[in-house]
Amino acid sequence: MKTQAVFKVPEQLTRSIDEVDHMLASGNDLNLDFTDCTFITVEGLEWLEELLLHAASSASKVELTNVTPSVYKVFKIARIDNVLKAAGGLTSSGPVC
């Protein structure tokens, strides 16, 4: 049985996070807690999309929790299905923007 590693995303997600990449490579499921994250760059968004693609190919689950409305709005505008799904946006209304 896989364990779920929890990682608190920093206030600004501007690039890849090596620690999270290592957690996924070790076979863990991931919970990325966005409570403190208020800003995400294109590079941060691209890394997140790649992380989710790697997770899917390794049968790991990544869940984005406590996504702030401002960050969720970026996810919606980007229209990256796997990011929206991980944030709960394709199965529910997601955070209010």
N, C-alpha and C. Protein backbone atom coordinates (compact mmCIF):
# COMPACT_ATOMS: atom_id res chain seq x y z
N MET A 1 0.84 -1.18 0.00
CA MET A 1 0.00 0.00 0.00
C MET A 1 0.88 1.24 0.00
N LYS A 2 0.55 2.21 -0.85
CA LYS A 2 1.31 3.45 -0.92
C LYS A 2 0.96 4.35 0.24
N THR A 3 1.94 5.12 0.66
CA THR A 3 1.68 6.14 1.66
C THR A 3 1.50 7.47 0.96
N GLN A 4 0.82 8.39 1.63
CA GLN A 4 0.61 9.71 1.05
C GLN A 4 1.52 10.71 1.75
N ALA A 5 2.41 11.30 0.97
CA ALA A 5 3.29 12.33 1.50
C ALA A 5 2.60 13.68 1.35
N VAL A 6 2.72 14.53 2.36
CA VAL A 6 2.12 15.86 2.32
C VAL A 6 3.23 16.89 2.19
N PHE A 7 3.04 17.82 1.26
CA PHE A 7 4.01 18.89 1.08
C PHE A 7 3.26 20.21 1.03
N LYS A 8 3.71 21.16 1.82
CA LYS A 8 3.10 22.49 1.85
C LYS A 8 3.79 23.36 0.78
N VAL A 9 3.04 23.73 -0.24
CA VAL A 9 3.57 24.53 -1.34
C VAL A 9 3.88 25.94 -0.82
N PRO A 10 5.03 26.51 -1.22
CA PRO A 10 5.38 27.84 -0.73
C PRO A 10 4.44 28.93 -1.25
N GLU A 11 4.60 30.13 -0.71
CA GLU A 11 3.74 31.25 -1.08
C GLU A 11 3.78 31.52 -2.58
N GLN A 12 4.94 31.38 -3.19
CA GLN A 12 5.07 31.58 -4.62
C GLN A 12 5.64 30.32 -5.27
N LEU A 13 4.87 29.76 -6.18
CA LEU A 13 5.33 28.58 -6.92
C LEU A 13 5.89 29.08 -8.25
N THR A 14 7.21 29.23 -8.30
CA THR A 14 7.84 29.84 -9.47
C THR A 14 8.72 28.88 -10.25
N ARG A 15 8.96 27.69 -9.71
CA ARG A 15 9.82 26.73 -10.39
C ARG A 15 9.55 25.34 -9.82
N SER A 16 10.27 24.37 -10.33
CA SER A 16 10.10 23.01 -9.83
C SER A 16 10.57 22.91 -8.38
N ILE A 17 10.03 21.93 -7.68
CA ILE A 17 10.41 21.71 -6.29
C ILE A 17 11.02 20.31 -6.22
N ASP A 18 12.35 20.27 -6.07
CA ASP A 18 13.06 19.00 -6.09
C ASP A 18 12.55 18.02 -5.03
N GLU A 19 12.23 18.53 -3.85
CA GLU A 19 11.75 17.66 -2.76
C GLU A 19 10.49 16.90 -3.17
N VAL A 20 9.58 17.59 -3.87
CA VAL A 20 8.34 16.95 -4.31
C VAL A 20 8.65 15.93 -5.40
N ASP A 21 9.55 16.28 -6.32
CA ASP A 21 9.94 15.33 -7.36
C ASP A 21 10.50 14.04 -6.74
N HIS A 22 11.31 14.18 -5.68
CA HIS A 22 11.88 13.01 -5.00
C HIS A 22 10.80 12.20 -4.30
N MET A 23 9.83 12.89 -3.70
CA MET A 23 8.72 12.18 -3.04
C MET A 23 7.97 11.31 -4.05
N LEU A 24 7.70 11.86 -5.22
CA LEU A 24 6.99 11.11 -6.25
C LEU A 24 7.85 9.96 -6.76
N ALA A 25 9.14 10.21 -6.96
CA ALA A 25 10.04 9.17 -7.46
C ALA A 25 10.16 8.01 -6.49
N SER A 26 9.92 8.27 -5.19
CA SER A 26 10.01 7.19 -4.21
C SER A 26 8.73 6.35 -4.17
N GLY A 27 7.76 6.68 -5.01
CA GLY A 27 6.56 5.87 -5.11
C GLY A 27 5.41 6.30 -4.22
N ASN A 28 5.55 7.43 -3.57
CA ASN A 28 4.47 7.93 -2.71
C ASN A 28 3.34 8.56 -3.51
N ASP A 29 2.14 8.51 -2.97
CA ASP A 29 1.08 9.39 -3.42
C ASP A 29 1.37 10.73 -2.76
N LEU A 30 0.88 11.82 -3.37
CA LEU A 30 1.20 13.14 -2.85
C LEU A 30 -0.05 13.97 -2.57
N ASN A 31 0.04 14.74 -1.51
CA ASN A 31 -0.95 15.76 -1.21
C ASN A 31 -0.19 17.07 -1.19
N LEU A 32 -0.45 17.92 -2.18
CA LEU A 32 0.19 19.23 -2.23
C LEU A 32 -0.78 20.24 -1.63
N ASP A 33 -0.41 20.77 -0.47
CA ASP A 33 -1.25 21.71 0.27
C ASP A 33 -0.94 23.13 -0.19
N PHE A 34 -1.91 23.78 -0.82
CA PHE A 34 -1.74 25.12 -1.38
C PHE A 34 -2.21 26.22 -0.44
N THR A 35 -2.37 25.94 0.84
CA THR A 35 -2.87 26.93 1.79
C THR A 35 -2.13 28.26 1.71
N ASP A 36 -0.80 28.21 1.64
CA ASP A 36 0.01 29.43 1.65
C ASP A 36 0.30 29.99 0.27
N CYS A 37 0.00 29.24 -0.78
CA CYS A 37 0.36 29.66 -2.14
C CYS A 37 -0.62 30.71 -2.66
N THR A 38 -0.10 31.87 -3.01
CA THR A 38 -0.93 32.94 -3.54
C THR A 38 -0.53 33.34 -4.95
N PHE A 39 0.56 32.78 -5.47
CA PHE A 39 1.07 33.18 -6.78
C PHE A 39 1.71 31.98 -7.45
N ILE A 40 1.46 31.83 -8.75
CA ILE A 40 2.06 30.75 -9.52
C ILE A 40 2.48 31.29 -10.88
N THR A 41 3.71 31.00 -11.27
CA THR A 41 4.20 31.44 -12.57
C THR A 41 3.93 30.38 -13.62
N VAL A 42 4.20 30.73 -14.87
CA VAL A 42 4.05 29.77 -15.96
C VAL A 42 4.98 28.58 -15.73
N GLU A 43 6.20 28.86 -15.29
CA GLU A 43 7.15 27.76 -15.04
C GLU A 43 6.64 26.85 -13.92
N GLY A 44 6.08 27.44 -12.87
CA GLY A 44 5.51 26.64 -11.79
C GLY A 44 4.34 25.80 -12.26
N LEU A 45 3.51 26.38 -13.11
CA LEU A 45 2.37 25.67 -13.67
C LEU A 45 2.82 24.53 -14.59
N GLU A 46 3.83 24.79 -15.40
CA GLU A 46 4.36 23.74 -16.28
C GLU A 46 4.94 22.59 -15.47
N TRP A 47 5.66 22.90 -14.40
CA TRP A 47 6.22 21.85 -13.54
C TRP A 47 5.10 21.02 -12.93
N LEU A 48 4.05 21.71 -12.47
CA LEU A 48 2.93 21.00 -11.86
C LEU A 48 2.28 20.05 -12.86
N GLU A 49 2.10 20.51 -14.08
CA GLU A 49 1.53 19.65 -15.12
C GLU A 49 2.42 18.44 -15.38
N GLU A 50 3.73 18.65 -15.47
CA GLU A 50 4.67 17.54 -15.68
C GLU A 50 4.64 16.56 -14.50
N LEU A 51 4.56 17.10 -13.30
CA LEU A 51 4.49 16.26 -12.10
C LEU A 51 3.26 15.35 -12.17
N LEU A 52 2.13 15.91 -12.56
CA LEU A 52 0.91 15.13 -12.65
C LEU A 52 0.99 14.08 -13.76
N LEU A 53 1.64 14.40 -14.86
CA LEU A 53 1.83 13.41 -15.93
C LEU A 53 2.72 12.27 -15.46
N HIS A 54 3.80 12.60 -14.75
CA HIS A 54 4.68 11.55 -14.21
C HIS A 54 3.93 10.68 -13.20
N ALA A 55 3.12 11.32 -12.37
CA ALA A 55 2.35 10.57 -11.38
C ALA A 55 1.41 9.59 -12.06
N ALA A 56 0.74 10.04 -13.09
CA ALA A 56 -0.20 9.17 -13.81
C ALA A 56 0.53 7.99 -14.44
N SER A 57 1.72 8.23 -14.98
CA SER A 57 2.45 7.15 -15.63
C SER A 57 3.01 6.14 -14.62
N SER A 58 3.15 6.57 -13.37
CA SER A 58 3.66 5.65 -12.34
C SER A 58 2.55 5.17 -11.41
N ALA A 59 1.30 5.42 -11.79
CA ALA A 59 0.13 5.02 -11.00
C ALA A 59 0.14 5.60 -9.60
N SER A 60 0.69 6.79 -9.45
CA SER A 60 0.64 7.51 -8.18
C SER A 60 -0.46 8.56 -8.26
N LYS A 61 -1.01 8.89 -7.12
CA LYS A 61 -2.08 9.87 -7.06
C LYS A 61 -1.52 11.17 -6.47
N VAL A 62 -1.84 12.28 -7.12
CA VAL A 62 -1.47 13.60 -6.60
C VAL A 62 -2.76 14.39 -6.41
N GLU A 63 -2.93 14.90 -5.22
CA GLU A 63 -4.11 15.69 -4.88
C GLU A 63 -3.65 17.09 -4.49
N LEU A 64 -4.31 18.11 -5.04
CA LEU A 64 -4.02 19.49 -4.69
C LEU A 64 -5.11 19.94 -3.73
N THR A 65 -4.73 20.28 -2.51
CA THR A 65 -5.72 20.66 -1.52
C THR A 65 -5.53 22.11 -1.09
N ASN A 66 -6.60 22.67 -0.55
CA ASN A 66 -6.60 24.04 -0.03
C ASN A 66 -6.11 25.05 -1.06
N VAL A 67 -6.51 24.85 -2.31
CA VAL A 67 -6.11 25.76 -3.39
C VAL A 67 -6.87 27.08 -3.20
N THR A 68 -6.11 28.17 -3.15
CA THR A 68 -6.73 29.49 -2.97
C THR A 68 -7.50 29.87 -4.24
N PRO A 69 -8.52 30.70 -4.11
CA PRO A 69 -9.28 31.11 -5.29
C PRO A 69 -8.41 31.75 -6.37
N SER A 70 -7.42 32.55 -6.01
CA SER A 70 -6.58 33.21 -7.02
C SER A 70 -5.74 32.19 -7.79
N VAL A 71 -5.22 31.18 -7.13
CA VAL A 71 -4.44 30.15 -7.82
C VAL A 71 -5.37 29.26 -8.64
N TYR A 72 -6.53 28.93 -8.11
CA TYR A 72 -7.48 28.12 -8.86
C TYR A 72 -7.90 28.81 -10.16
N LYS A 73 -8.02 30.14 -10.10
CA LYS A 73 -8.38 30.90 -11.29
C LYS A 73 -7.31 30.74 -12.37
N VAL A 74 -6.04 30.71 -11.97
CA VAL A 74 -4.95 30.47 -12.92
C VAL A 74 -5.12 29.07 -13.53
N PHE A 75 -5.45 28.08 -12.71
CA PHE A 75 -5.66 26.73 -13.22
C PHE A 75 -6.79 26.71 -14.25
N LYS A 76 -7.88 27.41 -13.94
CA LYS A 76 -9.03 27.45 -14.86
C LYS A 76 -8.68 28.12 -16.18
N ILE A 77 -7.96 29.23 -16.10
CA ILE A 77 -7.59 29.95 -17.32
C ILE A 77 -6.63 29.12 -18.17
N ALA A 78 -5.71 28.40 -17.51
CA ALA A 78 -4.75 27.57 -18.24
C ALA A 78 -5.42 26.38 -18.91
N ARG A 79 -6.57 25.95 -18.38
CA ARG A 79 -7.34 24.83 -18.94
C ARG A 79 -6.52 23.55 -19.09
N ILE A 80 -5.77 23.24 -18.05
CA ILE A 80 -5.00 22.00 -18.04
C ILE A 80 -5.81 21.00 -17.23
N ASP A 81 -6.45 20.07 -17.94
CA ASP A 81 -7.41 19.16 -17.32
C ASP A 81 -6.87 18.41 -16.12
N ASN A 82 -5.63 17.88 -16.22
CA ASN A 82 -5.14 17.08 -15.09
C ASN A 82 -4.87 17.96 -13.86
N VAL A 83 -4.54 19.23 -14.05
CA VAL A 83 -4.37 20.14 -12.91
C VAL A 83 -5.73 20.45 -12.29
N LEU A 84 -6.71 20.75 -13.12
CA LEU A 84 -8.05 21.02 -12.61
C LEU A 84 -8.62 19.80 -11.88
N LYS A 85 -8.41 18.63 -12.44
CA LYS A 85 -8.91 17.40 -11.81
C LYS A 85 -8.25 17.18 -10.45
N ALA A 86 -6.93 17.37 -10.38
CA ALA A 86 -6.22 17.18 -9.11
C ALA A 86 -6.67 18.18 -8.05
N ALA A 87 -7.14 19.37 -8.51
CA ALA A 87 -7.62 20.39 -7.59
C ALA A 87 -9.10 20.22 -7.28
N GLY A 88 -9.74 19.20 -7.86
CA GLY A 88 -11.16 18.94 -7.60
C GLY A 88 -12.09 19.70 -8.52
N GLY A 89 -11.56 20.37 -9.51
CA GLY A 89 -12.37 21.22 -10.37
C GLY A 89 -13.19 20.52 -11.42
N LEU A 90 -12.83 19.33 -11.82
CA LEU A 90 -13.61 18.62 -12.84
C LEU A 90 -14.68 17.74 -12.22
N THR A 91 -14.58 17.50 -10.92
CA THR A 91 -15.56 16.66 -10.27
C THR A 91 -16.47 17.46 -9.35
N SER A 92 -16.09 18.72 -9.12
CA SER A 92 -16.91 19.61 -8.29
C SER A 92 -16.71 21.02 -8.81
N SER A 93 -17.28 21.97 -8.14
CA SER A 93 -17.16 23.35 -8.60
C SER A 93 -15.79 23.95 -8.28
N GLY A 94 -15.02 23.29 -7.44
CA GLY A 94 -13.70 23.81 -7.06
C GLY A 94 -13.86 25.07 -6.23
N PRO A 95 -12.75 25.70 -5.90
CA PRO A 95 -12.83 26.93 -5.12
C PRO A 95 -13.56 28.03 -5.90
N VAL A 96 -14.20 28.91 -5.19
CA VAL A 96 -14.90 30.02 -5.82
C VAL A 96 -13.88 31.06 -6.25
N CYS A 97 -13.96 31.45 -7.51
CA CYS A 97 -13.03 32.45 -8.04
C CYS A 97 -13.60 33.85 -7.92
